[in-house]
N, C-alpha and C. Protein backbone atom coordinates (compact mmCIF):
# COMPACT_ATOMS: atom_id res chain seq x y z
N MET A 1 12.16 -113.82 -6.32
CA MET A 1 12.20 -112.54 -6.06
C MET A 1 13.18 -111.76 -6.78
N LYS A 2 14.37 -112.85 -6.70
CA LYS A 2 15.48 -112.41 -7.88
C LYS A 2 14.98 -111.77 -9.69
N GLU A 3 14.41 -112.64 -9.91
CA GLU A 3 14.04 -112.18 -11.18
C GLU A 3 12.86 -111.14 -11.44
N LYS A 4 12.44 -110.59 -10.43
CA LYS A 4 11.72 -109.41 -10.57
C LYS A 4 12.55 -107.95 -10.32
N GLN A 5 12.17 -107.23 -11.43
CA GLN A 5 13.01 -106.04 -11.16
C GLN A 5 12.24 -105.22 -10.28
N ILE A 6 13.13 -104.53 -9.54
CA ILE A 6 12.81 -103.77 -8.56
C ILE A 6 13.54 -102.64 -8.81
N SER A 7 12.99 -101.24 -8.84
CA SER A 7 13.34 -99.98 -9.18
C SER A 7 14.54 -99.90 -8.13
N LYS A 8 15.47 -98.69 -8.88
CA LYS A 8 16.37 -98.36 -7.77
C LYS A 8 15.86 -97.53 -6.51
N ALA A 9 14.82 -96.95 -7.32
CA ALA A 9 14.26 -95.93 -5.70
C ALA A 9 13.63 -96.86 -4.55
N VAL A 10 13.19 -98.03 -4.97
CA VAL A 10 12.56 -98.78 -3.69
C VAL A 10 13.80 -99.42 -3.62
N ILE A 11 15.02 -99.25 -3.74
CA ILE A 11 16.02 -100.68 -2.79
C ILE A 11 16.81 -99.28 -1.93
N LYS A 12 16.62 -97.73 -2.26
CA LYS A 12 17.56 -96.71 -1.86
C LYS A 12 16.48 -96.37 -0.87
N ARG A 13 15.42 -96.68 -0.46
CA ARG A 13 14.60 -96.64 0.74
C ARG A 13 14.77 -97.89 1.61
N LEU A 14 14.64 -98.98 1.19
CA LEU A 14 14.61 -100.04 2.19
C LEU A 14 15.79 -99.77 3.39
N PRO A 15 16.98 -99.05 2.99
CA PRO A 15 17.92 -98.86 4.41
C PRO A 15 17.29 -97.79 5.27
N ARG A 16 16.45 -96.88 4.75
CA ARG A 16 15.91 -96.28 5.56
C ARG A 16 14.91 -96.73 6.19
N TYR A 17 14.20 -97.41 6.17
CA TYR A 17 13.46 -98.45 6.92
C TYR A 17 13.68 -99.08 7.50
N ARG A 18 14.98 -99.90 7.41
CA ARG A 18 15.55 -100.76 8.24
C ARG A 18 16.43 -99.51 9.48
N ARG A 19 16.62 -98.42 9.19
CA ARG A 19 17.14 -97.72 10.13
C ARG A 19 16.11 -97.24 11.38
N TYR A 20 14.95 -96.83 10.46
CA TYR A 20 13.86 -96.69 11.49
C TYR A 20 13.43 -97.93 12.57
N LEU A 21 13.37 -99.19 11.73
CA LEU A 21 12.58 -100.15 12.42
C LEU A 21 13.94 -100.31 13.58
N LYS A 22 15.11 -100.17 13.61
CA LYS A 22 16.01 -100.37 14.52
C LYS A 22 15.59 -99.63 15.82
N ASP A 23 15.71 -98.15 15.50
CA ASP A 23 15.29 -97.27 16.62
C ASP A 23 14.37 -97.72 17.65
N LEU A 24 13.01 -98.16 16.56
CA LEU A 24 12.01 -98.56 17.07
C LEU A 24 12.09 -99.79 18.24
N GLN A 25 12.79 -100.20 17.61
CA GLN A 25 13.35 -102.03 18.65
C GLN A 25 14.23 -101.52 19.65
N LYS A 26 14.92 -100.55 19.48
CA LYS A 26 15.23 -99.79 20.91
C LYS A 26 14.60 -99.61 21.72
N LYS A 27 13.40 -99.07 21.26
CA LYS A 27 12.55 -98.49 22.56
C LYS A 27 11.57 -99.17 22.66
N GLY A 28 11.44 -100.37 22.24
CA GLY A 28 10.64 -101.48 22.98
C GLY A 28 9.34 -101.64 21.90
N ILE A 29 9.45 -100.76 21.05
CA ILE A 29 8.32 -101.15 20.45
C ILE A 29 7.93 -102.77 19.34
N GLU A 30 7.12 -103.52 19.66
CA GLU A 30 7.23 -104.73 18.82
C GLU A 30 6.30 -104.42 17.75
N LYS A 31 5.32 -103.77 17.28
CA LYS A 31 4.57 -103.59 16.26
C LYS A 31 4.11 -102.51 15.70
N ILE A 32 4.39 -101.84 14.71
CA ILE A 32 3.27 -100.76 13.81
C ILE A 32 3.04 -100.84 12.95
N SER A 33 2.10 -100.23 12.18
CA SER A 33 1.21 -100.02 11.31
C SER A 33 1.73 -99.40 10.28
N SER A 34 1.76 -99.57 9.12
CA SER A 34 1.67 -98.54 7.55
C SER A 34 2.22 -97.17 8.06
N LYS A 35 0.62 -96.83 8.36
CA LYS A 35 0.25 -95.58 8.81
C LYS A 35 1.33 -94.82 9.96
N ASP A 36 1.52 -95.69 11.24
CA ASP A 36 2.38 -94.91 11.97
C ASP A 36 4.08 -95.04 11.48
N LEU A 37 4.37 -96.00 10.53
CA LEU A 37 5.41 -95.86 10.28
C LEU A 37 5.77 -94.87 9.09
N SER A 38 4.81 -94.49 8.32
CA SER A 38 4.82 -93.05 7.17
C SER A 38 4.83 -92.08 8.13
N LYS A 39 4.00 -91.70 9.40
CA LYS A 39 4.25 -90.70 10.18
C LYS A 39 5.67 -90.32 10.51
N LEU A 40 6.79 -91.60 10.70
CA LEU A 40 7.95 -91.44 11.27
C LEU A 40 8.53 -90.82 10.25
N ILE A 41 8.59 -92.17 8.99
CA ILE A 41 9.46 -91.77 8.00
C ILE A 41 9.51 -90.67 6.71
N GLY A 42 8.15 -90.38 6.54
CA GLY A 42 8.02 -89.32 5.64
C GLY A 42 7.28 -89.44 4.37
N TYR A 43 7.45 -91.18 4.31
CA TYR A 43 6.45 -91.53 2.79
C TYR A 43 4.78 -91.73 3.25
N THR A 44 4.45 -92.11 2.46
CA THR A 44 2.71 -92.30 2.28
C THR A 44 3.09 -93.69 2.89
N ALA A 45 1.79 -93.89 3.93
CA ALA A 45 1.36 -95.49 4.22
C ALA A 45 1.28 -96.41 2.73
N SER A 46 0.87 -95.81 1.70
CA SER A 46 0.49 -96.46 0.39
C SER A 46 1.95 -96.77 -0.40
N GLN A 47 3.20 -95.77 -0.30
CA GLN A 47 4.30 -96.22 -0.43
C GLN A 47 4.98 -97.35 -0.15
N ILE A 48 5.10 -97.17 1.46
CA ILE A 48 5.71 -98.13 2.59
C ILE A 48 5.09 -99.60 1.67
N ARG A 49 3.54 -99.76 1.88
CA ARG A 49 3.02 -100.89 1.74
C ARG A 49 3.42 -101.59 0.22
N GLN A 50 3.49 -100.67 -0.72
CA GLN A 50 3.86 -101.10 -2.13
C GLN A 50 5.36 -101.09 -2.28
N ASP A 51 6.39 -100.58 -1.57
CA ASP A 51 7.60 -101.07 -1.50
C ASP A 51 7.77 -102.54 -1.09
N LEU A 52 7.14 -102.69 0.06
CA LEU A 52 7.05 -103.95 0.68
C LEU A 52 6.56 -105.18 0.06
N ASN A 53 5.68 -104.67 -0.64
CA ASN A 53 4.54 -105.86 -1.33
C ASN A 53 5.83 -106.51 -2.39
N ASN A 54 6.71 -105.83 -2.95
CA ASN A 54 8.12 -106.43 -4.00
C ASN A 54 8.49 -107.29 -3.36
N PHE A 55 8.40 -107.44 -1.95
CA PHE A 55 9.30 -108.68 -1.29
C PHE A 55 8.55 -109.60 -0.51
N GLY A 56 7.09 -109.59 -0.73
CA GLY A 56 5.97 -110.44 -0.34
C GLY A 56 5.09 -110.14 0.70
N GLY A 57 5.35 -108.15 1.23
CA GLY A 57 4.53 -107.75 2.06
C GLY A 57 4.92 -107.62 3.67
N PHE A 58 5.17 -108.78 4.82
CA PHE A 58 5.52 -108.87 5.41
C PHE A 58 4.20 -108.76 6.59
N GLY A 59 3.34 -107.83 6.16
CA GLY A 59 2.21 -107.25 7.15
C GLY A 59 1.10 -108.53 7.55
N GLN A 60 0.25 -108.08 8.58
CA GLN A 60 -0.41 -108.89 8.91
C GLN A 60 -2.05 -108.03 8.91
N GLN A 61 -3.13 -108.01 8.20
CA GLN A 61 -4.25 -107.43 8.45
C GLN A 61 -4.90 -107.52 10.07
N GLY A 62 -4.91 -105.89 10.31
CA GLY A 62 -5.44 -105.81 11.38
C GLY A 62 -4.36 -105.69 12.55
N TYR A 63 -3.17 -106.14 12.16
CA TYR A 63 -1.95 -106.26 13.43
C TYR A 63 -0.45 -105.40 12.99
N GLY A 64 -0.53 -105.31 11.42
CA GLY A 64 0.40 -104.03 10.97
C GLY A 64 1.59 -105.27 10.57
N TYR A 65 3.06 -104.32 11.39
CA TYR A 65 4.32 -105.04 11.27
C TYR A 65 5.09 -105.28 12.35
N SER A 66 6.07 -106.79 12.72
CA SER A 66 6.26 -107.10 13.37
C SER A 66 7.62 -106.09 13.52
N VAL A 67 8.27 -105.41 14.04
CA VAL A 67 9.37 -104.45 14.32
C VAL A 67 10.60 -105.24 13.91
N ALA A 68 10.52 -106.29 14.77
CA ALA A 68 12.01 -107.18 14.69
C ALA A 68 11.65 -107.89 13.45
N ASN A 69 10.65 -108.58 12.99
CA ASN A 69 10.76 -109.63 11.59
C ASN A 69 10.70 -108.60 10.85
N LEU A 70 10.12 -106.99 10.82
CA LEU A 70 10.88 -106.33 9.28
C LEU A 70 12.15 -105.88 9.17
N HIS A 71 12.85 -105.20 10.30
CA HIS A 71 14.11 -105.28 10.23
C HIS A 71 15.18 -106.34 9.81
N ASP A 72 14.61 -107.49 10.04
CA ASP A 72 15.79 -108.70 9.58
C ASP A 72 15.35 -109.02 8.31
N GLU A 73 14.03 -109.04 7.85
CA GLU A 73 14.00 -109.20 6.60
C GLU A 73 13.96 -108.70 6.02
N ILE A 74 13.96 -107.03 5.80
CA ILE A 74 14.83 -106.07 5.54
C ILE A 74 16.29 -106.48 5.16
N GLY A 75 16.59 -106.61 6.60
CA GLY A 75 18.19 -106.87 6.04
C GLY A 75 18.80 -108.18 5.22
N GLY A 76 17.82 -109.13 5.28
CA GLY A 76 18.22 -110.06 4.45
C GLY A 76 18.02 -109.93 2.87
N ILE A 77 16.79 -109.13 3.00
CA ILE A 77 16.54 -108.43 1.31
C ILE A 77 18.02 -107.74 0.99
N LEU A 78 18.55 -107.16 1.61
CA LEU A 78 19.91 -106.02 1.27
C LEU A 78 21.10 -107.13 1.33
N GLY A 79 21.21 -108.24 1.92
CA GLY A 79 21.89 -108.85 2.09
C GLY A 79 22.91 -108.87 3.01
N LEU A 80 22.16 -108.48 4.16
CA LEU A 80 23.22 -107.78 5.15
C LEU A 80 23.16 -109.02 6.31
N ASP A 81 22.69 -110.59 5.99
CA ASP A 81 22.73 -111.44 6.65
C ASP A 81 24.38 -112.12 6.04
N LYS A 82 24.99 -111.32 5.47
CA LYS A 82 26.32 -112.01 5.60
C LYS A 82 27.17 -111.25 5.69
N GLU A 83 28.44 -111.64 5.59
CA GLU A 83 29.49 -110.59 5.79
C GLU A 83 30.65 -110.49 4.21
N TYR A 84 31.00 -109.22 4.79
CA TYR A 84 31.83 -108.58 3.24
C TYR A 84 33.21 -108.36 3.60
N LYS A 85 34.31 -108.73 2.79
CA LYS A 85 35.76 -108.29 3.25
C LYS A 85 35.69 -107.13 2.24
N MET A 86 36.41 -106.10 2.57
CA MET A 86 36.74 -105.12 1.94
C MET A 86 37.89 -104.45 2.21
N ALA A 87 38.48 -103.75 0.56
CA ALA A 87 39.42 -103.28 0.74
C ALA A 87 39.21 -101.77 0.73
N ILE A 88 39.68 -100.77 1.18
CA ILE A 88 40.13 -99.37 1.36
C ILE A 88 41.42 -98.85 0.44
N VAL A 89 40.86 -98.13 -0.69
CA VAL A 89 41.68 -97.82 -1.84
C VAL A 89 41.79 -96.12 -1.45
N GLY A 90 42.78 -95.88 -0.83
CA GLY A 90 43.25 -93.81 -1.03
C GLY A 90 43.02 -94.10 0.40
N TYR A 91 43.95 -93.48 1.38
CA TYR A 91 43.67 -93.33 2.69
C TYR A 91 44.36 -91.92 3.12
N GLY A 92 43.35 -91.35 2.76
CA GLY A 92 43.84 -89.68 2.86
C GLY A 92 42.57 -89.23 3.77
N ARG A 93 41.70 -88.36 3.98
CA ARG A 93 41.37 -87.87 5.00
C ARG A 93 39.86 -88.36 4.87
N LEU A 94 39.81 -88.16 3.77
CA LEU A 94 38.14 -89.28 3.39
C LEU A 94 38.44 -90.69 3.76
N GLY A 95 39.44 -91.44 2.92
CA GLY A 95 39.69 -92.82 3.21
C GLY A 95 39.31 -93.18 4.63
N ARG A 96 40.42 -92.38 5.38
CA ARG A 96 40.61 -92.21 6.88
C ARG A 96 38.78 -92.26 7.53
N ALA A 97 38.22 -91.56 7.22
CA ALA A 97 36.99 -91.07 7.87
C ALA A 97 35.72 -92.40 7.58
N ILE A 98 35.88 -92.46 6.33
CA ILE A 98 35.41 -94.14 5.81
C ILE A 98 35.40 -95.04 6.30
N ALA A 99 37.04 -95.32 6.60
CA ALA A 99 37.33 -96.52 7.30
C ALA A 99 36.71 -96.31 8.87
N SER A 100 37.13 -95.68 9.37
CA SER A 100 36.31 -95.39 10.72
C SER A 100 35.14 -95.31 10.77
N TYR A 101 33.82 -95.03 10.00
CA TYR A 101 32.92 -95.51 10.28
C TYR A 101 32.44 -96.83 10.08
N ILE A 102 33.32 -97.58 8.59
CA ILE A 102 32.71 -98.91 8.64
C ILE A 102 32.89 -99.50 9.75
N ALA A 103 34.58 -99.34 10.48
CA ALA A 103 34.64 -100.12 11.63
C ALA A 103 33.95 -100.07 12.77
N ASN A 104 33.23 -98.85 13.20
CA ASN A 104 32.44 -98.47 14.40
C ASN A 104 30.90 -98.71 14.19
N ASN A 105 30.44 -99.00 12.61
CA ASN A 105 28.95 -99.00 12.51
C ASN A 105 28.53 -99.83 11.86
N GLU A 106 29.77 -100.89 11.00
CA GLU A 106 29.06 -101.97 10.20
C GLU A 106 29.52 -103.35 10.39
N PRO A 107 29.37 -103.85 11.46
CA PRO A 107 29.84 -105.20 11.61
C PRO A 107 29.90 -106.29 10.65
N LYS A 108 29.00 -105.78 9.38
CA LYS A 108 29.02 -106.90 8.59
C LYS A 108 29.94 -106.74 7.67
N PHE A 109 30.79 -105.58 7.39
CA PHE A 109 31.79 -104.97 6.67
C PHE A 109 32.99 -105.26 7.40
N ASN A 110 34.09 -105.93 6.82
CA ASN A 110 35.08 -106.34 7.23
C ASN A 110 36.22 -105.70 6.59
N ILE A 111 36.93 -104.65 7.42
CA ILE A 111 38.22 -104.32 5.72
C ILE A 111 39.29 -104.96 6.40
N VAL A 112 39.79 -105.48 5.53
CA VAL A 112 40.98 -106.44 5.71
C VAL A 112 42.20 -106.07 5.02
N GLY A 113 41.80 -104.91 4.18
CA GLY A 113 43.32 -104.59 3.53
C GLY A 113 42.76 -102.80 3.76
N ILE A 114 44.06 -102.00 3.40
CA ILE A 114 43.98 -100.41 3.24
C ILE A 114 45.01 -100.40 2.15
N PHE A 115 45.14 -99.22 1.34
CA PHE A 115 46.07 -99.27 0.33
C PHE A 115 46.14 -97.92 0.22
N ASP A 116 47.45 -97.53 0.06
CA ASP A 116 47.67 -96.09 -0.61
C ASP A 116 48.89 -96.03 -1.58
N VAL A 117 49.23 -95.00 -2.20
CA VAL A 117 50.09 -94.73 -2.83
C VAL A 117 51.48 -94.80 -1.98
N LYS A 118 51.66 -94.80 -0.50
CA LYS A 118 52.89 -94.69 -0.07
C LYS A 118 52.54 -95.75 1.35
N GLN A 119 53.22 -96.13 2.24
CA GLN A 119 53.29 -96.85 3.03
C GLN A 119 52.70 -95.69 4.23
N ILE A 120 51.80 -96.77 5.02
CA ILE A 120 51.25 -95.66 6.09
C ILE A 120 50.70 -96.52 7.30
N ILE A 121 51.81 -97.28 7.47
CA ILE A 121 51.54 -98.01 8.43
C ILE A 121 51.49 -97.16 10.04
N GLN A 122 52.25 -96.38 10.16
CA GLN A 122 52.04 -95.43 11.23
C GLN A 122 50.86 -94.61 11.72
N ASP A 123 49.95 -94.57 10.17
CA ASP A 123 48.67 -93.93 10.55
C ASP A 123 47.59 -94.77 10.96
N VAL A 124 47.64 -96.04 10.99
CA VAL A 124 46.63 -96.83 11.06
C VAL A 124 47.10 -97.84 12.42
N GLU A 125 47.83 -97.42 13.17
CA GLU A 125 48.15 -98.36 14.39
C GLU A 125 47.45 -98.45 15.46
N ASP A 126 46.76 -97.18 15.94
CA ASP A 126 45.80 -96.85 17.20
C ASP A 126 44.40 -96.87 16.32
N VAL A 127 44.00 -97.61 15.30
CA VAL A 127 42.14 -97.31 15.05
C VAL A 127 41.92 -98.49 14.96
N GLU A 128 40.71 -98.95 14.62
CA GLU A 128 39.92 -100.08 15.00
C GLU A 128 40.06 -100.99 14.35
N PHE A 129 41.07 -101.07 13.04
CA PHE A 129 41.08 -102.37 12.51
C PHE A 129 42.61 -102.45 12.27
N LYS A 130 43.16 -103.03 13.23
CA LYS A 130 44.10 -103.33 13.11
C LYS A 130 44.83 -104.47 12.39
N ASP A 131 44.09 -105.36 12.31
CA ASP A 131 43.94 -106.58 11.80
C ASP A 131 44.24 -106.53 10.22
N ALA A 132 43.70 -105.42 9.78
CA ALA A 132 43.93 -105.40 8.34
C ALA A 132 44.99 -104.95 7.75
N GLN A 133 45.54 -105.66 6.47
CA GLN A 133 47.18 -105.54 5.90
C GLN A 133 47.26 -103.93 5.15
N ILE A 134 48.49 -103.33 5.40
CA ILE A 134 48.56 -102.16 4.98
C ILE A 134 49.36 -102.28 3.88
N MET A 135 49.10 -102.13 2.41
CA MET A 135 50.13 -102.22 1.50
C MET A 135 50.05 -100.97 0.76
N THR A 136 51.11 -100.62 -0.52
CA THR A 136 51.13 -100.00 -1.17
C THR A 136 50.00 -100.15 -2.17
N CYS A 137 49.64 -99.53 -3.18
CA CYS A 137 48.67 -99.75 -4.64
C CYS A 137 49.33 -100.84 -5.54
N LYS A 138 50.52 -101.22 -5.48
CA LYS A 138 50.96 -101.84 -6.27
C LYS A 138 50.61 -103.68 -5.81
N SER A 139 50.22 -103.74 -4.51
CA SER A 139 49.99 -104.98 -3.89
C SER A 139 48.40 -105.48 -4.45
N LEU A 140 47.72 -104.19 -4.76
CA LEU A 140 46.01 -104.06 -4.69
C LEU A 140 45.46 -105.41 -5.60
N SER A 141 46.21 -105.32 -6.72
CA SER A 141 45.40 -106.77 -7.76
C SER A 141 45.58 -108.23 -6.78
N SER A 142 46.61 -108.24 -6.45
CA SER A 142 47.05 -109.75 -6.11
C SER A 142 46.62 -109.82 -4.83
N PHE A 143 46.11 -108.60 -3.86
CA PHE A 143 45.53 -109.02 -2.69
C PHE A 143 44.38 -109.14 -2.87
N VAL A 144 43.23 -108.57 -3.59
CA VAL A 144 41.87 -108.78 -4.42
C VAL A 144 41.81 -110.18 -4.65
N LYS A 145 42.80 -110.81 -5.44
CA LYS A 145 42.58 -111.80 -6.17
C LYS A 145 42.60 -113.16 -4.61
N SER A 146 43.55 -112.98 -3.67
CA SER A 146 44.53 -113.81 -2.93
C SER A 146 43.17 -114.10 -1.80
N GLU A 147 42.73 -112.96 -1.45
CA GLU A 147 42.01 -113.00 -0.39
C GLU A 147 40.30 -112.91 -0.59
N HIS A 148 40.17 -112.61 -1.96
CA HIS A 148 38.61 -112.75 -2.19
C HIS A 148 37.96 -111.55 -1.76
N ILE A 149 38.49 -110.74 -1.95
CA ILE A 149 37.87 -109.36 -1.73
C ILE A 149 36.29 -109.12 -2.32
N ASP A 150 35.39 -109.02 -1.38
CA ASP A 150 33.94 -108.71 -1.73
C ASP A 150 33.71 -107.09 -2.52
N ILE A 151 34.49 -105.91 -1.83
CA ILE A 151 34.18 -104.88 -2.00
C ILE A 151 35.59 -103.64 -1.99
N ALA A 152 35.01 -102.84 -2.66
CA ALA A 152 37.08 -102.20 -2.93
C ALA A 152 36.22 -100.47 -2.78
N VAL A 153 36.58 -99.92 -1.79
CA VAL A 153 36.14 -98.63 -1.02
C VAL A 153 37.08 -97.17 -1.91
N ILE A 154 36.58 -96.98 -2.79
CA ILE A 154 37.46 -96.12 -3.58
C ILE A 154 37.46 -94.64 -3.00
N THR A 155 38.59 -93.94 -2.71
CA THR A 155 38.98 -92.75 -2.22
C THR A 155 39.88 -91.98 -2.90
N VAL A 156 40.51 -92.34 -3.89
CA VAL A 156 41.54 -91.83 -4.26
C VAL A 156 41.28 -90.67 -5.13
N PRO A 157 42.15 -89.64 -5.19
CA PRO A 157 42.27 -88.51 -6.44
C PRO A 157 41.10 -89.13 -7.79
N ALA A 158 40.45 -87.96 -8.07
CA ALA A 158 39.14 -88.37 -9.43
C ALA A 158 40.41 -88.70 -10.42
N GLU A 159 41.55 -88.13 -11.00
CA GLU A 159 42.06 -88.70 -12.13
C GLU A 159 42.69 -90.24 -11.77
N LYS A 160 42.99 -90.71 -10.61
CA LYS A 160 42.96 -92.10 -10.53
C LYS A 160 42.06 -93.24 -10.07
N ALA A 161 40.82 -92.86 -10.11
CA ALA A 161 39.80 -93.57 -10.07
C ALA A 161 39.79 -94.34 -10.78
N GLN A 162 39.73 -94.22 -12.54
CA GLN A 162 39.43 -95.41 -13.49
C GLN A 162 40.34 -96.36 -13.11
N LEU A 163 41.51 -95.87 -13.13
CA LEU A 163 42.66 -97.09 -13.25
C LEU A 163 42.50 -97.58 -11.76
N VAL A 164 41.91 -97.39 -10.88
CA VAL A 164 42.11 -98.42 -9.54
C VAL A 164 40.59 -99.14 -9.76
N ALA A 165 39.59 -98.38 -10.60
CA ALA A 165 38.14 -99.52 -10.81
C ALA A 165 38.83 -100.42 -11.77
N ASP A 166 39.49 -100.36 -12.72
CA ASP A 166 39.83 -101.54 -13.50
C ASP A 166 40.66 -102.57 -12.92
N THR A 167 41.57 -102.08 -12.03
CA THR A 167 42.60 -102.93 -11.35
C THR A 167 41.66 -104.16 -10.92
N VAL A 168 40.72 -103.25 -9.67
CA VAL A 168 40.14 -104.21 -8.98
C VAL A 168 39.02 -105.25 -9.56
N ALA A 169 38.58 -104.74 -10.68
CA ALA A 169 37.53 -105.08 -11.70
C ALA A 169 38.26 -106.56 -12.24
N ASP A 170 39.27 -106.38 -12.98
CA ASP A 170 39.92 -107.04 -13.38
C ASP A 170 40.56 -108.41 -12.50
N ALA A 171 40.85 -108.20 -11.20
CA ALA A 171 40.94 -108.97 -10.06
C ALA A 171 39.70 -109.80 -9.44
N GLY A 172 38.85 -109.56 -9.87
CA GLY A 172 37.41 -110.18 -9.61
C GLY A 172 36.83 -109.67 -8.71
N ILE A 173 36.61 -108.38 -8.22
CA ILE A 173 35.93 -107.45 -7.43
C ILE A 173 34.46 -107.85 -7.63
N LYS A 174 33.70 -107.75 -6.58
CA LYS A 174 31.76 -108.06 -6.73
C LYS A 174 31.28 -106.48 -6.66
N GLY A 175 32.06 -105.55 -5.83
CA GLY A 175 31.29 -104.19 -5.91
C GLY A 175 32.21 -103.41 -5.54
N ILE A 176 31.96 -102.36 -5.80
CA ILE A 176 32.95 -101.45 -5.85
C ILE A 176 31.99 -100.20 -5.11
N TRP A 177 32.51 -99.34 -4.12
CA TRP A 177 31.76 -98.18 -3.24
C TRP A 177 32.47 -96.96 -3.56
N ASN A 178 32.03 -96.58 -4.30
CA ASN A 178 33.04 -94.88 -5.68
C ASN A 178 32.50 -93.77 -4.63
N LEU A 179 33.58 -93.18 -3.90
CA LEU A 179 33.63 -92.43 -3.36
C LEU A 179 34.09 -90.69 -3.93
N THR A 180 34.65 -91.40 -5.13
CA THR A 180 35.45 -90.12 -6.30
C THR A 180 34.19 -89.30 -6.90
N ALA A 181 34.62 -87.93 -7.50
CA ALA A 181 33.80 -87.24 -8.41
C ALA A 181 33.58 -88.04 -9.81
N VAL A 182 34.31 -89.41 -9.78
CA VAL A 182 34.30 -89.79 -11.39
C VAL A 182 33.09 -90.88 -11.13
N ASP A 183 32.16 -90.81 -12.42
CA ASP A 183 31.38 -91.76 -12.86
C ASP A 183 32.49 -92.64 -13.81
N LEU A 184 32.35 -94.21 -12.94
CA LEU A 184 33.41 -95.04 -13.36
C LEU A 184 32.84 -96.15 -14.66
N ASP A 185 33.76 -96.06 -15.40
CA ASP A 185 33.15 -97.04 -16.91
C ASP A 185 33.63 -98.62 -16.49
N LEU A 186 32.35 -99.52 -16.23
CA LEU A 186 32.94 -100.82 -15.83
C LEU A 186 31.89 -102.05 -16.41
N PRO A 187 33.10 -103.35 -16.79
CA PRO A 187 31.93 -104.23 -17.24
C PRO A 187 30.61 -104.56 -16.44
N GLU A 188 30.23 -105.09 -17.10
CA GLU A 188 28.70 -105.78 -16.62
C GLU A 188 28.83 -107.07 -15.35
N GLY A 189 28.28 -107.15 -14.81
CA GLY A 189 28.57 -107.69 -13.65
C GLY A 189 29.21 -107.15 -12.33
N ILE A 190 29.53 -106.00 -12.11
CA ILE A 190 29.88 -105.20 -10.84
C ILE A 190 28.91 -104.54 -10.48
N ALA A 191 28.84 -104.85 -9.54
CA ALA A 191 27.93 -103.56 -9.04
C ALA A 191 28.72 -102.21 -8.16
N VAL A 192 28.10 -101.13 -8.81
CA VAL A 192 28.52 -100.18 -8.05
C VAL A 192 27.73 -98.90 -7.36
N GLU A 193 28.18 -98.65 -6.37
CA GLU A 193 27.78 -97.19 -5.91
C GLU A 193 28.34 -96.52 -5.76
N ASN A 194 27.85 -95.17 -6.69
CA ASN A 194 28.67 -94.11 -6.42
C ASN A 194 28.31 -92.69 -5.48
N VAL A 195 28.87 -92.42 -4.85
CA VAL A 195 28.72 -91.40 -3.49
C VAL A 195 29.55 -90.10 -3.94
N HIS A 196 28.93 -88.70 -4.84
CA HIS A 196 29.12 -87.86 -5.06
C HIS A 196 29.06 -86.49 -4.33
N MET A 197 29.58 -86.46 -2.84
CA MET A 197 29.32 -85.45 -2.21
C MET A 197 28.82 -84.27 -2.83
N SER A 198 29.30 -83.42 -3.65
CA SER A 198 29.01 -82.34 -4.34
C SER A 198 27.82 -82.41 -4.87
N ASP A 199 27.09 -83.43 -5.25
CA ASP A 199 25.98 -83.53 -5.94
C ASP A 199 24.71 -82.94 -4.73
N SER A 200 25.16 -83.92 -3.77
CA SER A 200 24.40 -83.76 -2.56
C SER A 200 24.39 -82.37 -1.86
N LEU A 201 25.49 -81.66 -1.87
CA LEU A 201 25.53 -80.41 -1.55
C LEU A 201 25.01 -79.18 -2.02
N HIS A 202 24.79 -79.78 -3.62
CA HIS A 202 24.62 -78.41 -4.26
C HIS A 202 23.43 -78.66 -4.37
N ALA A 203 22.29 -80.24 -4.22
CA ALA A 203 20.87 -80.11 -4.15
C ALA A 203 20.55 -79.20 -3.01
N LEU A 204 21.30 -79.44 -1.86
CA LEU A 204 21.32 -78.49 -0.47
C LEU A 204 21.02 -77.12 -0.81
N ALA A 205 21.67 -76.62 -1.65
CA ALA A 205 21.82 -75.58 -1.92
C ALA A 205 20.61 -74.95 -2.91
N TYR A 206 20.23 -76.11 -3.48
CA TYR A 206 19.11 -75.32 -4.30
C TYR A 206 17.85 -75.30 -3.45
N TYR A 207 17.64 -76.48 -2.60
CA TYR A 207 16.37 -76.47 -1.31
C TYR A 207 16.73 -75.27 -0.67
N MET A 208 17.78 -74.91 -0.20
CA MET A 208 17.85 -73.55 0.72
C MET A 208 16.80 -72.68 0.08
N GLN A 209 16.89 -72.70 -1.49
CA GLN A 209 16.69 -70.98 -2.16
C GLN A 209 15.36 -71.40 -1.90
N GLY A 210 14.51 -72.12 -1.22
CA GLY A 210 13.22 -72.19 -1.20
C GLY A 210 12.77 -71.64 0.01
N THR A 211 13.67 -71.60 1.21
CA THR A 211 13.45 -71.24 2.59
C THR A 211 13.91 -69.68 2.84
N GLU A 212 14.56 -68.82 2.04
CA GLU A 212 15.00 -67.51 1.61
C GLU A 212 13.36 -66.66 1.63
N ASN A 213 13.65 -65.63 2.78
CA ASN A 213 12.49 -64.72 2.77
C ASN A 213 12.92 -63.92 1.22
C-alpha cells in the first residue's frame, strides 16, 4: 500500500470519513452503505468507494461497511494507532488555543514540550498538559533530539517560522504542523502540513459572494 501513490485530495478526505463514522458509532449504528454515507458527508457514493478502494475497500457486497471496522481501518491508515510526542513552539494566543485543543481532543498526540521566547511557566500551571516541560527556545534543538520529538507545532510570528523549522529539522523532527502564514522550505523526508487560516477565510469570502442577492 505504501508504494502506491495516493493523492493528497484522498488523504484530506479520510479524516472527514472517520469523524462521521465516529458520530455514527455514538448513535449505535453498526453498518452503513456508501449511498447513505454519501448523504451524510456530501461526497458521491462513487467517490467514497474509489477513495476506500485505494486501501482495500473494506466493504461487503449487499452489506455495506461495518462502521466500527471502517473507523478503525481509517485510523490505522492515518497512523492514529500510534502515539506521537509533540512540542509547541510559540505560546502566544494561537499556541495556547492549539495546545488546549490537542490536550482535550487528541489523546494520541502528547504535548511534552512548550517553547517560547520567554519563560511562561505561570501561564501553563493550570492547563491540561501540566507534565509538559516549559522552556525558552534556546533549548528547542537539544530537547527535540533528547526526547525524540515526532511533531513540532509552529505558531511563532511569520518572520521566525523558517528559523524554527530549520532548528527542528536539523534536530531530527519527523513532522511539522505549520500554523504560520509562511510556506516553509524544508529538506525531503520531513512531513509538513501547512494551515494558513487567512487562505480559508478568504475562500469563505469568495463563496459568500455567490449568496448575495
